[in-house]
Protein backbone atom coordinates (compact mmCIF):
# COMPACT_ATOMS: atom_id res chain seq x y z
CA MET A 1 6.80 -21.25 43.63
CA ASN A 2 5.78 -18.85 40.86
CA LEU A 3 8.38 -18.34 38.14
CA ARG A 4 8.51 -15.75 35.42
CA LEU A 5 10.77 -15.07 32.47
CA ARG A 6 12.52 -11.71 32.46
CA PRO A 7 12.94 -10.84 28.78
CA THR A 8 16.00 -8.67 29.33
CA ILE A 9 17.93 -11.37 31.18
CA GLY A 10 16.35 -14.56 29.88
CA LYS A 11 16.46 -16.44 33.20
CA LEU A 12 13.65 -17.80 35.31
CA GLU A 13 13.48 -16.31 38.75
CA PRO A 14 10.92 -16.28 41.57
CA LEU A 15 8.37 -13.49 41.65
CA ARG A 16 9.05 -10.81 44.21
CA PRO A 17 6.53 -10.87 47.04
CA ALA A 18 4.10 -7.97 47.24
CA ASP A 19 4.55 -5.30 49.87
CA PRO A 20 2.48 -6.46 52.87
CA SER A 21 1.26 -2.91 53.51
CA LEU A 22 -0.46 -2.92 50.10
CA GLY A 23 -2.50 -6.06 50.76
CA ASN A 24 -2.81 -8.28 47.71
CA ILE A 25 -1.66 -5.63 45.24
CA ALA A 26 1.65 -6.54 43.59
CA ARG A 27 4.33 -3.88 43.12
CA MET A 28 4.72 -2.36 39.71
CA GLU A 29 7.99 -3.08 37.95
CA THR A 30 10.28 -0.22 36.99
CA PRO A 31 9.42 0.88 33.43
CA GLN A 32 12.06 0.46 30.76
CA ILE A 33 13.21 3.64 29.06
CA ARG A 34 14.51 3.40 25.54
CA PRO A 35 17.16 6.05 24.96
CA GLY A 36 17.30 7.51 21.51
CA LEU A 37 18.36 10.46 19.48
CA VAL A 38 15.74 13.10 18.70
CA ARG A 39 16.37 13.86 15.06
CA ASP A 40 13.88 16.66 14.42
CA SER A 41 13.12 18.90 17.34
CA SER A 42 11.04 21.41 15.38
CA ARG A 43 7.44 21.72 16.51
CA LEU A 44 4.93 20.38 14.06
CA GLY A 45 1.58 22.02 13.56
CA ARG A 46 -1.38 20.08 14.93
CA VAL A 47 -4.71 19.30 13.38
CA ILE A 48 -7.43 18.87 16.01
CA VAL A 49 -10.41 16.85 14.79
CA PHE A 50 -13.68 16.09 16.56
CA PHE A 51 -15.66 13.04 15.45
CA HIS A 52 -19.25 12.59 16.63
CA ASN A 53 -18.83 8.83 16.23
CA SER A 54 -15.79 7.16 17.79
CA ALA A 55 -15.82 4.44 15.10
CA GLU A 56 -15.04 7.14 12.54
CA GLY A 57 -12.24 8.36 14.79
CA ASN A 58 -10.78 4.86 14.99
CA LEU A 59 -10.86 4.59 11.20
CA ALA A 60 -9.21 8.01 10.93
CA ILE A 61 -6.37 6.81 13.16
CA GLN A 62 -5.73 3.87 10.84
CA LEU A 63 -5.87 5.99 7.70
CA VAL A 64 -3.73 8.83 9.05
CA THR A 65 -0.98 6.45 10.18
CA SER A 66 -1.07 4.79 6.75
CA LEU A 67 -0.44 8.24 5.22
CA GLY A 68 2.84 8.47 7.12
CA VAL A 69 1.97 10.29 10.33
CA PRO A 70 3.91 8.59 13.17
CA SER A 71 1.56 6.95 15.68
CA ASP A 72 3.50 8.48 18.58
CA GLN A 73 2.43 11.91 17.29
CA LEU A 74 -1.29 11.13 17.71
CA GLY A 75 -3.23 12.29 20.73
CA VAL A 76 -6.58 10.62 21.39
CA THR A 77 -9.36 11.67 23.76
CA PRO A 78 -11.75 8.70 24.03
CA PRO A 79 -15.53 9.04 24.50
CA ASP A 80 -15.36 8.72 28.28
CA GLY A 81 -13.18 11.85 28.37
CA ILE A 82 -15.74 13.93 26.49
CA GLU A 83 -18.84 15.58 27.91
CA GLY A 84 -21.79 13.41 26.96
CA ALA A 85 -19.51 10.35 26.60
CA GLN A 86 -19.88 10.27 22.83
CA GLY A 87 -17.40 10.98 20.07
CA MET A 88 -13.63 11.23 19.87
CA VAL A 89 -11.07 14.03 19.63
CA LEU A 90 -7.85 13.43 17.70
CA SER A 91 -4.81 15.68 17.94
CA ILE A 92 -2.59 14.93 14.95
CA ALA A 93 0.91 16.40 14.65
CA CYS A 94 1.83 16.41 10.99
CA PRO A 95 4.25 18.22 8.71
CA ASP A 96 2.90 20.89 6.37
CA SER A 97 3.35 18.55 3.41
CA LEU A 98 0.78 16.11 4.84
CA ARG A 99 -1.59 18.59 6.45
CA ALA A 100 -3.97 19.03 3.50
CA THR A 101 -4.20 15.27 2.97
CA VAL A 102 -4.82 14.59 6.66
CA GLU A 103 -7.50 17.28 6.84
CA SER A 104 -9.32 16.04 3.74
CA THR A 105 -9.19 12.44 5.00
CA CYS A 106 -10.68 13.44 8.36
CA ARG A 107 -13.32 15.65 6.70
CA SER A 108 -14.39 12.78 4.44
CA LEU A 109 -15.03 10.71 7.59
CA GLY A 110 -17.24 13.41 9.11
CA GLY A 111 -14.66 15.11 11.35
CA GLN A 112 -14.79 18.78 12.34
CA ILE A 113 -11.34 20.30 11.75
CA HIS A 114 -9.61 22.78 14.07
CA ARG A 115 -6.03 23.90 13.41
CA GLN A 116 -3.38 24.57 16.03
CA ASN A 117 -0.01 26.05 15.05
């Protein structure tokens, strides 16, 4: 019998059997939703950056989050979502106070900047 630990309950229980109509594919568990208060509902301006090299885009993600941009405000289009399968597009929502710093950081890594208000 397969057992698993449910982190929310902390008890071991048997795995649920898969739906026979799906074959060997197990059912997906219901996702957990974390309720929370939205403190600032104002729309932030976005900086759209295209990197020819996805390694530069990955470095930009690390640097931009270290500047204080929340990681849940980053949108990433990986190389397989781009025509030619090369490069990376970042969509960065940032307050006006950080915009110049974010733009200069991305430019220094070779990114092409496009603004969206």
